[in-house]
């Protein structure tokens, strides 16, 4: 009987040993499942953060383009304004030149009219009084 008792004790020890390892196994399986759950949660959080980073990058790129466009518009407006001011300056210069030429022409026309009037008066005077030195009868041409 001692053999059977020894075998019984040995079997009980092995059974206790197996129960311990089975308990450890279940504990490890639970830990693994918990870690897998945490891993899935981390992956979900990582995906969410990646999505938010992508949205932020997209928004940043859009804002950079908008800023660049605004700067180009401002530069274009400055360039256009400079061109307009330059053209306006040229037009003013041309206008001043034309006005000056107009004044000179008016003055010249006035002087020409005066000279013409004086010549006409002199001619009329000559015609009426017979110009001295009218040897060829110029007055006869006007009569």
Protein backbone atom coordinates (compact mmCIF):
# COMPACT_ATOMS: atom_id res chain seq x y z
CA UNK A 1 0.00 0.00 0.00
CA UNK A 2 2.75 2.34 0.51
CA UNK A 3 3.35 2.32 -3.21
CA UNK A 4 -0.23 3.37 -3.81
CA UNK A 5 -0.03 5.99 -1.11
CA UNK A 6 3.16 7.33 -2.63
CA UNK A 7 1.55 7.38 -6.05
CA UNK A 8 -1.52 9.06 -4.58
CA UNK A 9 0.60 11.75 -2.92
CA UNK A 10 2.61 12.14 -6.07
CA UNK A 11 -0.59 12.52 -8.09
CA UNK A 12 -1.96 15.03 -5.58
CA UNK A 13 1.29 17.00 -5.78
CA UNK A 14 1.18 16.92 -9.56
CA UNK A 15 -2.48 17.93 -9.51
CA UNK A 16 -1.70 20.85 -7.19
CA UNK A 17 1.19 21.72 -9.43
CA UNK A 18 -1.07 21.58 -12.51
CA UNK A 19 -3.74 23.64 -10.76
CA UNK A 20 -1.12 26.25 -9.94
CA UNK A 21 0.10 26.36 -13.54
CA UNK A 22 -3.47 26.43 -14.85
CA UNK A 23 -4.20 29.35 -12.53
CA UNK A 24 -1.02 31.06 -13.73
CA UNK A 25 -1.99 30.33 -17.31
CA UNK A 26 -5.45 31.90 -16.85
CA UNK A 27 -3.84 34.87 -15.12
CA UNK A 28 -1.42 35.31 -18.03
CA UNK A 29 -4.27 34.98 -20.55
CA UNK A 30 -6.18 37.70 -18.69
CA UNK A 31 -3.09 39.92 -18.63
CA UNK A 32 -2.59 39.33 -22.35
CA UNK A 33 -6.24 40.15 -23.06
CA UNK A 34 -5.93 43.30 -20.95
CA UNK A 35 -2.76 44.29 -22.79
CA UNK A 36 -4.43 43.60 -26.16
CA UNK A 37 -7.36 45.78 -25.09
CA UNK A 38 -4.93 48.55 -24.09
CA UNK A 39 -3.11 48.10 -27.41
CA UNK A 40 -6.39 48.49 -29.33
CA UNK A 41 -7.24 51.59 -27.28
CA UNK A 42 -3.77 53.00 -27.95
CA UNK A 43 -4.16 52.27 -31.68
CA UNK A 44 -7.53 54.04 -31.68
CA UNK A 45 -6.01 57.00 -29.83
CA UNK A 46 -3.01 56.97 -32.19
CA UNK A 47 -5.33 56.94 -35.22
CA UNK A 48 -7.31 59.84 -33.74
CA UNK A 49 -4.13 61.82 -33.08
CA UNK A 50 -2.85 61.06 -36.58
CA UNK A 51 -6.14 62.29 -38.02
CA UNK A 52 -5.95 65.47 -35.94
CA UNK A 53 -2.32 66.02 -36.98
CA UNK A 54 -3.31 65.59 -40.63
CA UNK A 55 -6.19 68.06 -40.20
CA UNK A 56 -3.84 70.52 -38.48
CA UNK A 57 -1.25 70.14 -41.26
CA UNK A 58 -3.95 70.66 -43.89
CA UNK A 59 -5.24 73.73 -42.08
CA UNK A 60 -1.70 75.04 -41.67
CA UNK A 61 -1.00 74.58 -45.39
CA UNK A 62 -4.27 76.34 -46.26
CA UNK A 63 -3.43 79.22 -43.93
CA UNK A 64 0.08 79.46 -45.40
CA UNK A 65 -1.43 79.61 -48.92
CA UNK A 66 -3.92 82.26 -47.76
CA UNK A 67 -1.12 84.32 -46.21
CA UNK A 68 0.94 83.95 -49.37
CA UNK A 69 -2.02 85.03 -51.51
CA UNK A 70 -2.67 88.02 -49.25
CA UNK A 71 0.99 89.02 -49.44
CA UNK A 72 0.90 88.67 -53.22
CA UNK A 73 -2.26 90.78 -53.35
CA UNK A 74 -0.68 93.42 -51.12
CA UNK A 75 2.48 93.38 -53.23
CA UNK A 76 0.35 93.46 -56.37
CA UNK A 77 -1.64 96.37 -54.96
CA UNK A 78 1.57 98.14 -54.03
CA UNK A 79 2.96 97.39 -57.48
CA UNK A 80 -0.29 98.50 -59.10
CA UNK A 81 -0.44 101.57 -56.88
CA UNK A 82 3.17 102.39 -57.77
CA UNK A 83 2.35 101.92 -61.45
CA UNK A 84 -0.76 104.08 -61.10
CA UNK A 85 1.21 106.76 -59.26
CA UNK A 86 3.97 106.58 -61.86
CA UNK A 87 1.44 106.79 -64.70
CA UNK A 88 -0.34 109.62 -62.93
CA UNK A 89 2.98 111.45 -62.58
CA UNK A 90 3.66 110.98 -66.29
CA UNK A 91 0.17 112.19 -67.17
CA UNK A 92 0.59 115.24 -64.93
CA UNK A 93 3.91 115.99 -66.60
CA UNK A 94 2.32 115.63 -70.02
CA UNK A 95 -0.62 117.78 -68.93
CA UNK A 96 1.73 120.48 -67.64
CA UNK A 97 3.65 120.32 -70.93
CA UNK A 98 0.44 120.58 -72.96
CA UNK A 99 -0.80 123.44 -70.77
CA UNK A 100 2.52 125.23 -71.18
CA UNK A 101 2.41 124.67 -74.95
CA UNK A 102 -1.21 125.87 -74.95
CA UNK A 103 -0.18 129.03 -73.09
CA UNK A 104 2.67 129.60 -75.54
CA UNK A 105 0.31 129.05 -78.49
CA UNK A 106 -2.25 131.41 -76.99
CA UNK A 107 0.44 134.00 -76.49
CA UNK A 108 1.73 133.45 -80.02
CA UNK A 109 -1.80 133.66 -81.45
CA UNK A 110 -2.34 136.87 -79.49
CA UNK A 111 0.88 138.35 -80.81
CA UNK A 112 0.05 137.20 -84.34
CA UNK A 113 -3.42 138.73 -84.09
CA UNK A 114 -1.90 142.00 -82.86
CA UNK A 115 0.63 142.00 -85.70
CA UNK A 116 -2.10 141.13 -88.18
CA UNK A 117 -4.32 143.88 -86.81
CA UNK A 118 -1.48 146.37 -87.00
CA UNK A 119 -0.68 145.26 -90.55
CA UNK A 120 -4.34 145.54 -91.48
CA UNK A 121 -4.58 149.01 -89.93
CA UNK A 122 -1.41 150.05 -91.70
CA UNK A 123 -2.73 148.68 -94.96
CA UNK A 124 -6.06 150.41 -94.48
CA UNK A 125 -4.25 153.62 -93.68
CA UNK A 126 -2.13 153.24 -96.79
CA UNK A 127 -5.12 152.55 -98.91
CA UNK A 128 -6.97 155.57 -97.64
CA UNK A 129 -4.08 157.95 -97.84
CA UNK A 130 -2.24 156.41 -100.67
CA UNK A 131 0.93 155.02 -99.25
CA UNK A 132 3.97 157.14 -99.75
CA UNK A 133 6.28 155.29 -102.03
CA UNK A 134 3.40 153.57 -103.82
CA UNK A 135 5.08 153.73 -107.13
CA UNK A 136 3.67 150.54 -108.52
CA UNK A 137 0.12 151.22 -107.45
CA UNK A 138 -0.23 148.65 -104.72
CA UNK A 139 -3.37 150.42 -103.59
CA UNK A 140 -4.93 149.56 -106.88
CA UNK A 141 -4.52 145.89 -105.99
CA UNK A 142 -6.60 146.34 -102.85
CA UNK A 143 -9.26 148.50 -104.39
